[in-house]
Protein backbone atom coordinates (compact mmCIF):
# COMPACT_ATOMS: atom_id res chain seq x y z
CA UNK A 1 16.08 -3.59 35.41
CA UNK A 2 16.37 -0.05 34.18
CA UNK A 3 20.06 1.13 33.57
CA UNK A 4 22.84 0.00 35.68
CA UNK A 5 19.99 0.21 39.09
CA UNK A 6 18.65 -3.44 39.71
CA UNK A 7 15.36 -3.47 41.90
CA UNK A 8 14.05 -5.92 44.32
CA UNK A 9 10.66 -6.53 45.13
CA UNK A 10 10.02 -8.48 48.57
CA UNK A 11 6.47 -11.11 47.40
CA UNK A 12 4.08 -10.25 48.92
CA UNK A 13 4.06 -13.62 51.00
CA UNK A 14 7.41 -13.09 53.15
CA UNK A 15 6.33 -8.90 53.99
CA UNK A 16 3.01 -11.14 55.22
CA UNK A 17 4.53 -13.47 56.95
CA UNK A 18 7.23 -11.05 59.03
CA UNK A 19 4.32 -8.58 60.06
CA UNK A 20 2.76 -11.44 61.54
CA UNK A 21 5.29 -12.61 63.42
CA UNK A 22 5.86 -9.37 64.52
CA UNK A 23 2.83 -9.22 65.65
CA UNK A 24 3.13 -12.65 67.23
CA UNK A 25 6.24 -11.24 69.41
CA UNK A 26 4.24 -8.23 70.41
CA UNK A 27 1.55 -10.64 71.68
CA UNK A 28 3.83 -13.44 73.98
CA UNK A 29 5.13 -9.88 75.63
CA UNK A 30 2.26 -8.66 76.54
CA UNK A 31 0.95 -12.34 77.98
CA UNK A 32 4.22 -12.25 79.91
CA UNK A 33 4.51 -9.21 81.06
CA UNK A 34 0.36 -9.46 82.22
CA UNK A 35 0.99 -13.30 83.53
CA UNK A 36 4.20 -11.35 85.36
CA UNK A 37 1.57 -8.87 87.30
CA UNK A 38 -0.91 -11.43 87.66
CA UNK A 39 1.79 -13.20 89.30
CA UNK A 40 3.07 -10.55 91.76
CA UNK A 41 -0.71 -10.10 93.23
CA UNK A 42 -0.95 -13.69 93.37
CA UNK A 43 2.26 -14.17 95.67
CA UNK A 44 1.28 -10.58 97.15
CA UNK A 45 -2.14 -12.47 98.04
CA UNK A 46 -0.61 -15.40 99.92
CA UNK A 47 -1.00 -18.51 97.82
CA UNK A 48 1.02 -21.22 97.75
CA UNK A 49 0.27 -22.72 94.71
CA UNK A 50 1.10 -18.53 93.44
CA UNK A 51 4.64 -18.62 94.97
CA UNK A 52 5.40 -22.42 93.83
CA UNK A 53 4.85 -21.26 90.22
CA UNK A 54 6.71 -17.59 90.98
CA UNK A 55 10.24 -19.44 92.24
CA UNK A 56 9.79 -21.84 89.49
CA UNK A 57 9.34 -19.03 86.42
CA UNK A 58 11.21 -16.87 88.30
CA UNK A 59 14.26 -19.57 87.72
CA UNK A 60 13.49 -20.31 84.30
CA UNK A 61 13.55 -17.36 84.20
CA UNK A 62 16.98 -16.20 84.73
CA UNK A 63 18.58 -19.20 82.86
CA UNK A 64 17.27 -17.06 79.91
CA UNK A 65 18.38 -13.25 80.94
CA UNK A 66 21.28 -14.52 82.04
CA UNK A 67 21.28 -13.52 86.09
CA UNK A 68 21.53 -15.59 89.19
CA UNK A 69 17.68 -15.06 90.15
CA UNK A 70 16.80 -14.52 94.10
CA UNK A 71 13.79 -15.54 95.71
CA UNK A 72 13.24 -14.19 99.18
CA UNK A 73 12.11 -16.18 101.42
CA UNK A 74 11.01 -14.56 104.49
CA UNK A 75 9.81 -12.10 105.65
CA UNK A 76 8.22 -12.18 102.49
CA UNK A 77 8.50 -14.87 99.98
CA UNK A 78 8.80 -13.94 96.09
CA UNK A 79 11.22 -12.34 93.22
CA UNK A 80 10.77 -9.09 94.85
CA UNK A 81 12.42 -7.76 98.42
CA UNK A 82 10.80 -6.66 100.45
CA UNK A 83 9.62 -3.34 101.41
CA UNK A 84 11.09 -1.07 104.27
CA UNK A 85 7.93 -0.51 105.47
CA UNK A 86 7.39 -5.04 105.30
CA UNK A 87 10.79 -5.55 106.80
CA UNK A 88 10.77 -2.77 109.70
CA UNK A 89 9.73 -5.41 111.81
CA UNK A 90 11.97 -8.33 111.47
CA UNK A 91 16.01 -8.19 112.03
CA UNK A 92 16.81 -11.28 109.83
CA UNK A 93 15.40 -11.80 106.54
CA UNK A 94 16.60 -14.86 104.28
CA UNK A 95 16.72 -15.39 99.68
CA UNK A 96 17.42 -18.49 97.93
CA UNK A 97 20.18 -17.69 95.41
CA UNK A 98 19.61 -19.77 91.85
CA UNK A 99 22.67 -20.06 89.61
CA UNK A 100 22.45 -19.41 85.85
CA UNK A 101 25.34 -21.03 84.83
CA UNK A 102 26.66 -17.34 83.92
CA UNK A 103 26.16 -14.73 86.00
CA UNK A 104 28.96 -14.15 88.82
CA UNK A 105 27.22 -11.15 90.94
CA UNK A 106 23.99 -11.42 92.79
CA UNK A 107 22.42 -8.98 95.35
CA UNK A 108 20.05 -8.83 97.99
CA UNK A 109 17.84 -6.69 98.95
CA UNK A 110 17.52 -5.68 102.32
CA UNK A 111 15.87 -2.12 103.27
CA UNK A 112 17.16 -1.66 106.78
CA UNK A 113 18.01 1.81 105.72
CA UNK A 114 21.83 1.60 108.02
CA UNK A 115 23.55 3.38 108.77
CA UNK A 116 26.89 4.44 108.15
CA UNK A 117 27.49 3.34 111.73
CA UNK A 118 26.30 -0.36 111.45
CA UNK A 119 27.59 -0.79 107.83
CA UNK A 120 31.01 0.41 109.60
CA UNK A 121 30.33 -2.57 112.62
CA UNK A 122 30.16 -4.93 109.88
CA UNK A 123 26.50 -5.08 109.82
CA UNK A 124 24.33 -6.30 108.64
CA UNK A 125 25.54 -10.18 109.70
CA UNK A 126 25.65 -12.69 106.16
CA UNK A 127 25.38 -16.67 106.99
CA UNK A 128 25.51 -18.53 103.62
CA UNK A 129 24.17 -22.14 103.69
CA UNK A 130 25.03 -24.15 101.49
CA UNK A 131 21.99 -26.54 100.06
CA UNK A 132 23.03 -27.44 97.05
CA UNK A 133 25.98 -28.78 95.76
CA UNK A 134 26.48 -26.25 93.15
CA UNK A 135 26.92 -23.88 96.41
CA UNK A 136 30.25 -24.88 97.25
CA UNK A 137 30.84 -24.20 93.80
CA UNK A 138 29.72 -20.66 93.89
CA UNK A 139 32.27 -19.34 96.38
CA UNK A 140 30.08 -15.99 97.23
CA UNK A 141 32.45 -13.42 98.59
CA UNK A 142 30.53 -10.60 99.69
CA UNK A 143 31.56 -7.10 97.65
CA UNK A 144 29.78 -4.13 99.12
CA UNK A 145 27.40 -3.70 102.02
CA UNK A 146 25.20 -0.32 101.50
CA UNK A 147 22.36 0.83 103.49
CA UNK A 148 19.95 -1.45 101.85
CA UNK A 149 21.94 -4.36 99.67
CA UNK A 150 24.21 -6.44 99.78
CA UNK A 151 26.53 -7.63 96.74
CA UNK A 152 28.08 -10.47 95.82
CA UNK A 153 30.50 -11.69 93.71
CA UNK A 154 30.72 -15.42 93.00
CA UNK A 155 32.04 -18.55 90.48
CA UNK A 156 29.15 -19.54 87.74
CA UNK A 157 27.16 -21.66 89.21
CA UNK A 158 23.63 -23.68 88.41
CA UNK A 159 20.52 -24.55 90.63
CA UNK A 160 19.04 -23.37 93.50
CA UNK A 161 22.94 -23.77 95.17
CA UNK A 162 22.77 -20.93 98.47
CA UNK A 163 20.53 -20.03 101.49
CA UNK A 164 21.84 -16.46 102.15
CA UNK A 165 20.50 -15.32 106.03
CA UNK A 166 21.07 -11.80 107.15
CA UNK A 167 20.80 -9.93 110.29
CA UNK A 168 20.73 -6.71 111.12
CA UNK A 169 21.26 -5.38 114.48
CA UNK A 170 18.67 -4.82 117.10
CA UNK A 171 17.95 -0.81 116.79
CA UNK A 172 17.85 0.05 120.65
CA UNK A 173 21.39 -1.36 120.46
CA UNK A 174 22.86 0.61 118.04
């Protein structure tokens, strides 16, 4: 103690412990990102096992992050929405929504680039299929439709409770 000043020294083992903990967190973060990138490539290559693991990880991570997760089923499968090039020749798509128990919204991205006229005519058509009892409690309601997305609000639910199917107009008719 110098005068009225009190000085504290942090013991070296505690500093080393904090430094090691920080390094471990960085390493784990790097491994998670590397695994996610590898999983995306495996899913894109069409590996069935990778798709199953990817859907499992997406539903598990949604609980940790606090968002309802969307796992696309058709025409592509995985956690990433179809690109405009992938969805171009398809008139419909489907996705499974997994609730995390707290989130009250989810978004389905279709990338059809619908016109204002098509949106005003009610496109895309939306069908909801309850696949678990939890889907009944979701009570999903469409909040907005844009050229490339449909946004839903819902009550909090848990589990893969909803299948959402979207259908767009046949382009020659609109």
